[in-house]
């Protein structure tokens, strides 16, 4: 005797009837693959853009003292205009300790090398012209920019 559970367990039968009721094999199912948000790991994948090391540095928070290290009159004023148009906080302008600077240089006063590198990049000035000179130049600044005779090659002159 058997109990047919397909109908709530109310039907019964004999052993001879069980041969007529054979269970169906379960259907095979294909596993579902959920999409991921990761890029494919093939050689044809496009690399991410390079990280901009200056992305969190804003020129308007970089305080600069600007000094003319040449005998070109009005140079500091011209550079100041360019720097302010590019968002720098120019705190003071004047003449350097002499007018014989052959190359422009950036002096770091507060240890902010990232700010110095940003300014050098914007000016087109080699990083070898960045000098660490901690201390106070009489004005509270992060950087001192001394414009030298190479000023015609820098970006503000174009």
N, C-alpha and C. Protein backbone atom coordinates (compact mmCIF):
# COMPACT_ATOMS: atom_id res chain seq x y z
N UNK A 1 0.84 -1.16 0.00
CA UNK A 1 0.00 0.00 0.00
C UNK A 1 0.89 1.24 0.00
N UNK A 2 0.39 2.27 -0.56
CA UNK A 2 1.14 3.52 -0.63
C UNK A 2 0.22 4.69 -0.42
N UNK A 3 0.78 5.82 -0.08
CA UNK A 3 0.00 7.05 0.13
C UNK A 3 0.47 8.05 -0.92
N UNK A 4 -0.48 8.59 -1.62
CA UNK A 4 -0.15 9.58 -2.66
C UNK A 4 -0.07 10.95 -2.00
N UNK A 5 1.15 11.42 -1.82
CA UNK A 5 1.33 12.70 -1.16
C UNK A 5 1.06 13.87 -2.09
N UNK A 6 0.88 13.60 -3.37
CA UNK A 6 0.61 14.67 -4.31
C UNK A 6 -0.78 15.24 -4.13
N UNK A 7 -1.64 14.52 -3.50
CA UNK A 7 -3.01 14.98 -3.32
C UNK A 7 -3.33 15.14 -1.84
N UNK A 8 -2.36 15.65 -1.08
CA UNK A 8 -2.60 15.92 0.33
C UNK A 8 -2.60 14.68 1.19
N UNK A 9 -2.15 13.53 0.67
CA UNK A 9 -2.06 12.31 1.46
C UNK A 9 -3.39 11.60 1.61
N UNK A 10 -4.41 11.92 0.79
CA UNK A 10 -5.73 11.32 0.94
C UNK A 10 -5.94 10.11 0.04
N UNK A 11 -5.09 9.92 -0.95
CA UNK A 11 -5.27 8.80 -1.87
C UNK A 11 -4.35 7.67 -1.44
N UNK A 12 -4.87 6.48 -1.56
CA UNK A 12 -4.05 5.31 -1.24
C UNK A 12 -4.12 4.36 -2.40
N UNK A 13 -3.18 3.41 -2.44
CA UNK A 13 -3.18 2.43 -3.50
C UNK A 13 -2.45 1.20 -3.04
N UNK A 14 -2.30 0.26 -3.93
CA UNK A 14 -1.63 -0.99 -3.59
C UNK A 14 -0.27 -1.00 -4.23
N UNK A 15 0.53 -2.01 -3.90
CA UNK A 15 1.88 -2.12 -4.43
C UNK A 15 1.86 -2.27 -5.93
N UNK A 16 0.83 -2.90 -6.46
CA UNK A 16 0.77 -3.07 -7.91
C UNK A 16 0.55 -1.73 -8.62
N UNK A 17 -0.08 -0.80 -7.93
CA UNK A 17 -0.31 0.51 -8.52
C UNK A 17 0.94 1.41 -8.46
N UNK A 18 1.89 1.07 -7.60
CA UNK A 18 3.07 1.91 -7.49
C UNK A 18 3.92 1.85 -8.73
N UNK A 19 3.82 0.78 -9.46
CA UNK A 19 4.60 0.68 -10.68
C UNK A 19 4.13 1.72 -11.69
N UNK A 20 2.86 2.07 -11.62
CA UNK A 20 2.33 3.05 -12.55
C UNK A 20 2.74 4.46 -12.18
N UNK A 21 3.10 4.67 -10.92
CA UNK A 21 3.47 6.00 -10.49
C UNK A 21 4.98 6.01 -10.26
N UNK A 22 5.68 6.54 -11.20
CA UNK A 22 7.13 6.63 -11.06
C UNK A 22 7.51 8.10 -10.90
N UNK A 23 8.42 8.34 -10.01
CA UNK A 23 8.79 9.74 -9.82
C UNK A 23 9.53 10.28 -11.04
N UNK A 24 9.30 11.52 -11.33
CA UNK A 24 9.99 12.17 -12.44
C UNK A 24 11.38 12.60 -11.99
N UNK A 25 12.36 12.47 -12.84
CA UNK A 25 13.67 12.97 -12.45
C UNK A 25 13.63 14.50 -12.42
N UNK A 26 14.37 15.06 -11.51
CA UNK A 26 14.40 16.51 -11.42
C UNK A 26 15.12 17.09 -12.62
N UNK A 27 14.63 18.24 -13.08
CA UNK A 27 15.27 18.89 -14.23
C UNK A 27 16.56 19.55 -13.78
N UNK A 28 17.54 19.41 -14.62
CA UNK A 28 18.82 20.08 -14.33
C UNK A 28 18.65 21.58 -14.55
N UNK A 29 19.22 22.34 -13.67
CA UNK A 29 19.15 23.79 -13.82
C UNK A 29 20.54 24.35 -14.07
N UNK A 30 20.58 25.41 -14.81
CA UNK A 30 21.84 26.09 -15.08
C UNK A 30 22.06 27.12 -13.99
N UNK A 31 23.26 27.12 -13.37
CA UNK A 31 23.48 28.12 -12.32
C UNK A 31 23.44 29.53 -12.89
N UNK A 32 22.91 30.45 -12.13
CA UNK A 32 22.81 31.84 -12.54
C UNK A 32 24.09 32.55 -12.09
N UNK A 33 24.74 33.22 -13.04
CA UNK A 33 25.95 33.96 -12.72
C UNK A 33 25.58 35.43 -12.62
N UNK A 34 25.78 35.99 -11.44
CA UNK A 34 25.47 37.39 -11.21
C UNK A 34 26.58 38.26 -11.80
N UNK A 35 26.22 39.36 -12.47
CA UNK A 35 27.25 40.26 -13.01
C UNK A 35 28.00 40.95 -11.87
N UNK A 36 29.27 41.23 -12.12
CA UNK A 36 30.07 41.95 -11.13
C UNK A 36 30.41 43.33 -11.66
N UNK A 37 30.83 44.19 -10.78
CA UNK A 37 31.19 45.56 -11.17
C UNK A 37 32.69 45.72 -11.37
N UNK A 38 33.39 44.63 -11.52
CA UNK A 38 34.83 44.72 -11.73
C UNK A 38 35.15 44.63 -13.21
N UNK A 39 36.21 45.28 -13.59
CA UNK A 39 36.63 45.27 -14.98
C UNK A 39 37.23 43.91 -15.30
N UNK A 40 37.14 43.48 -16.54
CA UNK A 40 37.74 42.20 -16.91
C UNK A 40 39.25 42.27 -16.72
N UNK A 41 39.80 41.11 -16.40
CA UNK A 41 41.23 41.07 -16.15
C UNK A 41 41.97 40.53 -17.36
N UNK A 42 41.70 41.10 -18.51
CA UNK A 42 42.40 40.69 -19.71
C UNK A 42 43.42 41.74 -20.07
N UNK A 43 44.31 41.38 -20.96
CA UNK A 43 45.33 42.32 -21.36
C UNK A 43 44.77 43.50 -22.13
N UNK A 44 43.57 43.36 -22.67
CA UNK A 44 42.98 44.44 -23.44
C UNK A 44 42.26 45.47 -22.57
N UNK A 45 42.25 45.23 -21.25
CA UNK A 45 41.58 46.18 -20.36
C UNK A 45 42.32 47.51 -20.38
N UNK A 46 41.56 48.59 -20.34
CA UNK A 46 42.14 49.93 -20.36
C UNK A 46 42.62 50.26 -18.95
N UNK A 47 43.88 50.69 -18.80
CA UNK A 47 44.36 51.01 -17.46
C UNK A 47 43.69 52.26 -16.93
N UNK A 48 43.61 52.38 -15.61
CA UNK A 48 42.98 53.58 -15.04
C UNK A 48 43.85 54.80 -15.35
N UNK A 49 43.23 55.98 -15.35
CA UNK A 49 44.02 57.20 -15.62
C UNK A 49 45.04 57.39 -14.51
N UNK A 50 46.16 58.04 -14.83
CA UNK A 50 47.16 58.27 -13.79
C UNK A 50 46.62 59.18 -12.70
N UNK A 51 47.10 58.96 -11.51
CA UNK A 51 46.67 59.78 -10.38
C UNK A 51 47.42 61.09 -10.42
N UNK A 52 46.68 62.18 -10.32
CA UNK A 52 47.28 63.50 -10.31
C UNK A 52 47.77 63.79 -8.89
N UNK A 53 49.08 63.92 -8.70
CA UNK A 53 49.58 64.13 -7.34
C UNK A 53 49.16 65.47 -6.74
N UNK A 54 48.65 66.38 -7.57
CA UNK A 54 48.27 67.71 -7.09
C UNK A 54 46.77 67.86 -6.95
N UNK A 55 46.01 66.78 -7.10
CA UNK A 55 44.55 66.91 -7.16
C UNK A 55 43.94 67.50 -5.89
N UNK A 56 44.59 67.33 -4.74
CA UNK A 56 44.05 67.85 -3.49
C UNK A 56 44.69 69.17 -3.07
N UNK A 57 45.59 69.69 -3.89
CA UNK A 57 46.26 70.94 -3.57
C UNK A 57 45.64 72.04 -4.41
N UNK A 58 45.18 73.07 -3.78
CA UNK A 58 44.59 74.20 -4.49
C UNK A 58 45.52 75.39 -4.36
N UNK A 59 45.81 76.03 -5.48
CA UNK A 59 46.78 77.12 -5.47
C UNK A 59 46.34 78.29 -4.59
N UNK A 60 45.03 78.44 -4.38
CA UNK A 60 44.58 79.59 -3.59
C UNK A 60 44.91 79.47 -2.11
N UNK A 61 45.36 78.31 -1.69
CA UNK A 61 45.78 78.17 -0.29
C UNK A 61 47.30 78.18 -0.16
N UNK A 62 48.00 78.40 -1.25
CA UNK A 62 49.45 78.47 -1.23
C UNK A 62 49.84 79.94 -1.17
N UNK A 63 50.48 80.30 -0.06
CA UNK A 63 50.89 81.69 0.16
C UNK A 63 52.31 81.88 -0.37
N UNK A 64 52.48 82.90 -1.20
CA UNK A 64 53.76 83.09 -1.89
C UNK A 64 54.27 84.52 -1.70
N UNK A 65 55.57 84.60 -1.51
CA UNK A 65 56.28 85.88 -1.59
C UNK A 65 57.03 85.86 -2.91
N UNK A 66 56.92 86.91 -3.68
CA UNK A 66 57.48 86.99 -5.02
C UNK A 66 58.59 88.03 -5.05
N UNK A 67 59.80 87.60 -5.45
CA UNK A 67 60.94 88.51 -5.47
C UNK A 67 61.56 88.53 -6.86
N UNK A 68 61.93 89.73 -7.29
CA UNK A 68 62.57 89.92 -8.59
C UNK A 68 64.09 89.78 -8.40
N UNK A 69 64.67 88.77 -9.03
CA UNK A 69 66.10 88.53 -8.94
C UNK A 69 66.84 88.98 -10.19
N UNK A 70 66.23 89.91 -10.94
CA UNK A 70 66.84 90.44 -12.17
C UNK A 70 66.83 91.96 -12.10
N UNK A 71 67.36 92.58 -13.15
CA UNK A 71 67.29 94.05 -13.21
C UNK A 71 66.18 94.49 -14.17
N UNK A 72 65.24 93.58 -14.50
CA UNK A 72 64.10 93.90 -15.36
C UNK A 72 63.03 94.58 -14.53
N UNK A 73 62.80 95.84 -14.79
CA UNK A 73 61.80 96.60 -14.03
C UNK A 73 60.39 96.09 -14.33
N UNK A 74 59.56 96.01 -13.31
CA UNK A 74 58.16 95.63 -13.48
C UNK A 74 57.92 94.13 -13.59
N UNK A 75 58.97 93.33 -13.47
CA UNK A 75 58.83 91.89 -13.62
C UNK A 75 57.98 91.28 -12.51
N UNK A 76 58.20 91.69 -11.29
CA UNK A 76 57.43 91.14 -10.17
C UNK A 76 55.94 91.42 -10.33
N UNK A 77 55.61 92.60 -10.84
CA UNK A 77 54.20 92.95 -11.05
C UNK A 77 53.58 92.04 -12.11
N UNK A 78 54.32 91.79 -13.19
CA UNK A 78 53.82 90.92 -14.26
C UNK A 78 53.60 89.50 -13.75
N UNK A 79 54.55 88.99 -12.99
CA UNK A 79 54.43 87.63 -12.46
C UNK A 79 53.30 87.57 -11.43
N UNK A 80 53.16 88.60 -10.62
CA UNK A 80 52.09 88.63 -9.62
C UNK A 80 50.72 88.53 -10.31
N UNK A 81 50.54 89.28 -11.38
CA UNK A 81 49.27 89.22 -12.12
C UNK A 81 48.99 87.80 -12.59
N UNK A 82 49.99 87.15 -13.17
CA UNK A 82 49.84 85.76 -13.65
C UNK A 82 49.50 84.83 -12.51
N UNK A 83 50.21 84.97 -11.39
CA UNK A 83 49.98 84.09 -10.24
C UNK A 83 48.59 84.28 -9.66
N UNK A 84 48.14 85.51 -9.54
CA UNK A 84 46.80 85.76 -9.01
C UNK A 84 45.72 85.25 -9.97
N UNK A 85 45.97 85.35 -11.27
CA UNK A 85 45.02 84.80 -12.25
C UNK A 85 44.98 83.28 -12.16
N UNK A 86 46.04 82.67 -11.67
CA UNK A 86 46.10 81.23 -11.49
C UNK A 86 45.76 80.82 -10.06
N UNK A 87 45.24 81.76 -9.27
CA UNK A 87 44.69 81.44 -7.97
C UNK A 87 45.65 81.46 -6.80
N UNK A 88 46.87 81.90 -6.98
CA UNK A 88 47.81 81.94 -5.86
C UNK A 88 47.54 83.14 -4.96
N UNK A 89 47.88 82.97 -3.69
CA UNK A 89 47.76 84.03 -2.69
C UNK A 89 49.13 84.70 -2.57
N UNK A 90 49.35 85.75 -3.36
CA UNK A 90 50.63 86.46 -3.35
C UNK A 90 50.58 87.46 -2.20
N UNK A 91 51.38 87.21 -1.18
CA UNK A 91 51.37 88.02 0.03
C UNK A 91 52.26 89.25 -0.06
N UNK A 92 53.34 89.16 -0.90
CA UNK A 92 54.28 90.27 -0.93
C UNK A 92 55.11 90.16 -2.21
N UNK A 93 55.51 91.31 -2.73
CA UNK A 93 56.44 91.36 -3.86
C UNK A 93 57.56 92.32 -3.50
N UNK A 94 58.69 92.13 -4.17
CA UNK A 94 59.82 93.01 -3.92
C UNK A 94 61.02 92.56 -4.72
N UNK A 95 62.17 93.07 -4.34
CA UNK A 95 63.41 92.70 -4.99
C UNK A 95 64.15 91.66 -4.15
N UNK A 96 64.82 90.74 -4.82
CA UNK A 96 65.62 89.73 -4.14
C UNK A 96 66.86 90.38 -3.54
N UNK A 97 67.66 89.60 -2.85
CA UNK A 97 68.87 90.12 -2.22
C UNK A 97 69.90 90.60 -3.24
N UNK A 98 69.76 90.16 -4.50
CA UNK A 98 70.60 90.69 -5.59
C UNK A 98 69.85 90.53 -6.90
N UNK A 99 70.34 91.12 -7.97
CA UNK A 99 69.65 91.05 -9.27
C UNK A 99 70.44 90.20 -10.27
N UNK A 100 71.21 89.24 -9.77
CA UNK A 100 72.02 88.40 -10.63
C UNK A 100 71.61 86.92 -10.60
N UNK A 101 70.36 86.62 -10.32
CA UNK A 101 69.88 85.24 -10.35
C UNK A 101 69.78 84.80 -11.81
N UNK A 102 70.55 83.80 -12.21
CA UNK A 102 70.49 83.33 -13.59
C UNK A 102 69.28 82.43 -13.82
N UNK A 103 68.89 81.69 -12.77
CA UNK A 103 67.72 80.82 -12.87
C UNK A 103 66.73 81.18 -11.77
N UNK A 104 65.47 81.00 -12.08
CA UNK A 104 64.41 81.22 -11.08
C UNK A 104 64.47 80.08 -10.08
N UNK A 105 64.02 80.35 -8.87
CA UNK A 105 63.99 79.30 -7.87
C UNK A 105 62.82 79.47 -6.93
N UNK A 106 62.42 78.35 -6.39
CA UNK A 106 61.36 78.32 -5.39
C UNK A 106 61.99 77.88 -4.08
N UNK A 107 61.78 78.67 -3.05
CA UNK A 107 62.28 78.33 -1.73
C UNK A 107 61.10 77.88 -0.87
N UNK A 108 61.23 76.71 -0.29
CA UNK A 108 60.17 76.16 0.57
C UNK A 108 60.41 76.65 1.99
N UNK A 109 59.44 77.33 2.56
CA UNK A 109 59.56 77.86 3.92
C UNK A 109 58.88 76.98 4.97
N UNK A 110 57.77 76.32 4.60
CA UNK A 110 56.98 75.57 5.59
C UNK A 110 57.07 74.07 5.43
N UNK A 111 57.93 73.57 4.56
CA UNK A 111 58.05 72.13 4.35
C UNK A 111 57.05 71.56 3.38
N UNK A 112 56.27 72.41 2.73
CA UNK A 112 55.23 71.95 1.80
C UNK A 112 55.82 71.72 0.41
N UNK A 113 56.46 70.57 0.24
CA UNK A 113 57.10 70.25 -1.05
C UNK A 113 56.07 70.04 -2.16
N UNK A 114 54.89 69.57 -1.81
CA UNK A 114 53.84 69.38 -2.82
C UNK A 114 53.45 70.71 -3.43
N UNK A 115 53.31 71.74 -2.61
CA UNK A 115 52.97 73.07 -3.12
C UNK A 115 54.07 73.60 -4.01
N UNK A 116 55.31 73.37 -3.63
CA UNK A 116 56.45 73.82 -4.45
C UNK A 116 56.47 73.09 -5.79
N UNK A 117 56.21 71.80 -5.77
CA UNK A 117 56.16 71.04 -7.02
C UNK A 117 55.03 71.50 -7.93
N UNK A 118 53.89 71.84 -7.33
CA UNK A 118 52.76 72.35 -8.12
C UNK A 118 53.12 73.66 -8.80
N UNK A 119 53.71 74.58 -8.05
CA UNK A 119 54.09 75.87 -8.63
C UNK A 119 55.14 75.68 -9.72
N UNK A 120 56.13 74.84 -9.47
CA UNK A 120 57.16 74.57 -10.48
C UNK A 120 56.53 74.00 -11.75
N UNK A 121 55.59 73.10 -11.57
CA UNK A 121 54.91 72.50 -12.73
C UNK A 121 54.15 73.54 -13.52
N UNK A 122 53.42 74.41 -12.83
CA UNK A 122 52.65 75.45 -13.52
C UNK A 122 53.54 76.47 -14.22
N UNK A 123 54.69 76.74 -13.62
CA UNK A 123 55.61 77.70 -14.22
C UNK A 123 56.44 77.09 -15.35
N UNK A 124 56.57 75.77 -15.36
CA UNK A 124 57.47 75.12 -16.30
C UNK A 124 58.91 75.17 -15.80
N UNK A 125 59.06 75.21 -14.49
CA UNK A 125 60.36 75.32 -13.84
C UNK A 125 60.81 73.93 -13.40
N UNK A 126 62.06 73.60 -13.64
CA UNK A 126 62.60 72.29 -13.24
C UNK A 126 62.56 72.14 -11.72
N UNK A 127 62.27 70.94 -11.26
CA UNK A 127 62.22 70.71 -9.82
C UNK A 127 63.60 70.84 -9.17
N UNK A 128 64.65 70.80 -9.96
CA UNK A 128 65.99 71.01 -9.40
C UNK A 128 66.16 72.44 -8.90
N UNK A 129 65.25 73.33 -9.27
CA UNK A 129 65.30 74.72 -8.82
C UNK A 129 64.48 74.96 -7.56
N UNK A 130 64.05 73.89 -6.92
CA UNK A 130 63.32 73.99 -5.66
C UNK A 130 64.32 73.77 -4.53
N UNK A 131 64.35 74.70 -3.59
CA UNK A 131 65.28 74.64 -2.46
C UNK A 131 64.50 74.64 -1.16
N UNK A 132 64.92 73.83 -0.23
CA UNK A 132 64.29 73.82 1.08
C UNK A 132 64.99 74.83 1.97
N UNK A 133 64.32 75.92 2.27
CA UNK A 133 64.89 76.98 3.11
C UNK A 133 63.88 77.34 4.20
N UNK A 134 63.77 76.47 5.21
CA UNK A 134 62.79 76.74 6.27
C UNK A 134 63.12 78.04 7.00
N UNK A 135 62.10 78.62 7.51
CA UNK A 135 62.29 79.86 8.26
C UNK A 135 61.31 80.91 7.80
N UNK A 136 61.56 82.10 8.23
CA UNK A 136 60.65 83.20 7.96
C UNK A 136 61.39 84.27 7.16
N UNK A 137 60.78 84.68 6.08
CA UNK A 137 61.38 85.73 5.25
C UNK A 137 60.83 87.11 5.62
N UNK A 138 60.19 87.18 6.78
CA UNK A 138 59.58 88.44 7.19
C UNK A 138 58.11 88.51 6.83
N UNK A 139 57.66 87.58 6.00
CA UNK A 139 56.25 87.49 5.59
C UNK A 139 55.83 86.05 5.80
N UNK A 140 54.62 85.84 6.32
CA UNK A 140 54.14 84.49 6.56
C UNK A 140 53.71 83.86 5.23
N UNK A 141 54.58 83.01 4.68
CA UNK A 141 54.33 82.39 3.38
C UNK A 141 54.76 80.93 3.41
N UNK A 142 54.25 80.19 2.44
CA UNK A 142 54.67 78.79 2.24
C UNK A 142 55.89 78.73 1.33
N UNK A 143 55.90 79.60 0.32
CA UNK A 143 56.96 79.58 -0.69
C UNK A 143 57.45 80.98 -0.99
N UNK A 144 58.71 81.05 -1.37
CA UNK A 144 59.28 82.28 -1.90
C UNK A 144 59.69 81.97 -3.34
N UNK A 145 59.18 82.73 -4.28
CA UNK A 145 59.55 82.57 -5.69
C UNK A 145 60.48 83.71 -6.07
N UNK A 146 61.70 83.35 -6.45
CA UNK A 146 62.65 84.35 -6.92
C UNK A 146 62.75 84.19 -8.43
N UNK A 147 62.39 85.25 -9.15
CA UNK A 147 62.42 85.22 -10.61
C UNK A 147 63.83 85.57 -11.07
N UNK A 148 64.39 84.68 -11.90
CA UNK A 148 65.74 84.89 -12.41
C UNK A 148 65.73 85.27 -13.89
N UNK A 149 66.94 85.31 -14.47
CA UNK A 149 67.11 85.72 -15.86
C UNK A 149 66.44 84.75 -16.85
N UNK A 150 66.10 83.56 -16.40
CA UNK A 150 65.42 82.59 -17.27
C UNK A 150 63.92 82.85 -17.37
N UNK A 151 63.45 83.96 -16.87
CA UNK A 151 62.01 84.25 -16.79
C UNK A 151 61.32 84.23 -18.16
N UNK A 152 62.03 84.48 -19.24
CA UNK A 152 61.39 84.49 -20.57
C UNK A 152 60.98 83.07 -21.00
N UNK A 153 61.53 82.05 -20.39
CA UNK A 153 61.19 80.66 -20.73
C UNK A 153 60.08 80.09 -19.86
N UNK A 154 59.67 80.82 -18.84
CA UNK A 154 58.65 80.32 -17.92
C UNK A 154 57.25 80.59 -18.47
N UNK A 155 56.28 79.85 -17.99
CA UNK A 155 54.92 79.89 -18.54
C UNK A 155 54.23 81.25 -18.42
N UNK A 156 54.53 82.05 -17.42
CA UNK A 156 53.85 83.34 -17.29
C UNK A 156 54.29 84.31 -18.39
N UNK A 157 55.45 84.05 -19.01
CA UNK A 157 55.97 84.96 -20.03
C UNK A 157 55.33 84.70 -21.40
N UNK A 158 54.60 83.64 -21.53
CA UNK A 158 54.03 83.27 -22.83
C UNK A 158 52.69 83.89 -23.05
